[in-house]
Amino acid sequence: MVRYLLRRAGYSLLVLWGVVTVVFFLFNLSPGDPVRNLVGENAPAEVVEQIRRKLNLDIPVHQRYFYYLNDLLPLSLYTRDVEGSRRNYQPDTQGGCILAGDQQILVLKWPDLKRSFLSDRPVSGLLAEAMPGTAVLAFVSIALALLAGLLLGMIAALRRDTAADRFILLVSALGMAGPSFFVAILVAWLGAVVWRDAIVVHVLPWLVLGASWWLLRRRGRAPGLVLVAIFIGSWTICAWAVPGGWWNPVITLPGTGLSMTGSLYSVNAFDGPYLDLRNLILPALTLAVRPLAVIVQLTRSSILDVLSQDYIRTARAKGLSSSRILVGHALRNALNPVITAVSGWFASLLAGAVFVEFVFGWKGLGQELFMAIEKQDMPVVMGGVILIASLFVGINMLVDVLYGWVDPRVRRA
């Protein structure tokens, strides 16, 4: 198991090095001049040259690449107060040295992601400010998707080929098919516009729907399109009629009171910033839709596959209850593909759901990267991509450890 994890760690470091290399050359060889975007087209040439030298944009790209790697590594080599050198050691921002010579200094430090072209602030500080909003949003979304997905997947597996199974599969297919930006706009419109205030719900269409389903089931089938048509027709009739009568009762549901945009912290004119968890509801529901659909289908198919194994039949022959067989034997052995899916989706959510954060005005990593790309702030973009790649690699390493706990065959590898 130890050799397996060490080998995976080596592969992960190679992946990170490849990502850093590709991202660096992709943004440094792309067309456009970030200095002109910063100072404007009419700035004097002397000012442009000074800023290019300050940002190390006046040296060859391969030299900038090695400088960037040197800053990024936790163990870096710098010079000692050499006039005109771009690699002078700065103890206030680069940590403490562990080995010093006449000209060279070996420094043990945190990875240096450089400074923003626009704000001249450290990129690590900008990402640290943006990351908590995205992290909270991702944790809540994936937790909601995992809990609901496992429950619905087990129900679909145990109720295979029934109306409940078909309905769950239909909803999960719609969830996977919906683009993130479309789902975000739809959820924002329904939750913060249509249902922001109290709404009136007619009771009669639901009673008609239940009675129609019962009658059709007695005849041996209950086609979904027929039930949908009956429900829409009865709802339309009740909407045009005068509500509140004995034959057309209504229920008034309280509104959500949610806003279409907002972040984890809101600002009060008198009290200042405060934690506003209501703003988390709509974006978390939006982000949970697609991973929920994937988890439902993976859980259902994995449980059905495990339930057909010989040891499950042996457990049933021993007289174990269905709940004990499902939770103690089938579910645990069916979790491998679910863990893989959850890890991938969680890393993607941590990377920043750009569309969702943009639609809801959520201050997070996705919105920060979108603004940096728009303004050609290359250090922020490169730092964000490196952070995303590190999250993916770290989560994949954690998944390997979980595999070893869930599946004993991995521990013997």
Foldseek 3Di string as FASTA:
>chain_A
DVVVLVVLVVVLVVVLVVLLVVLLCVLLVDDDDLLCLQPHDPDDPVVSVVLCVVVVVVDDSVVVSVVLVQLQDQKHKAFDPDPPDPRHDDCVPFPDFDDDDPTMTIHGGHRFLAAWSHPRHGLVVVQVVFQVQLLVLLVLLLVVLQVLQLVLLVVLQVQPPDPSVVVLLVQLVVLQPDDLLRLLVVLLCVQAPVQLAKDKAKPVLVVQLVVLQVVQVVVPDDDPVVSVVSSVVVRVVLVPDDEDDPNTDIDIDGGLNAHLADEQWDQDPPPGIDGDCSLSPSLSVSLNRNLSSVSSVLSNVQLNVQCPDPVVVVCVVVPDDPVCCVVVPRNLLSCLVVLVSSLVSSLVSSLPPQSNCVRRVYRHNNVQLVVCVVSSRSSNVSVSSSVSSVSSSVSVSVSLVVCVVSPVVSVVD
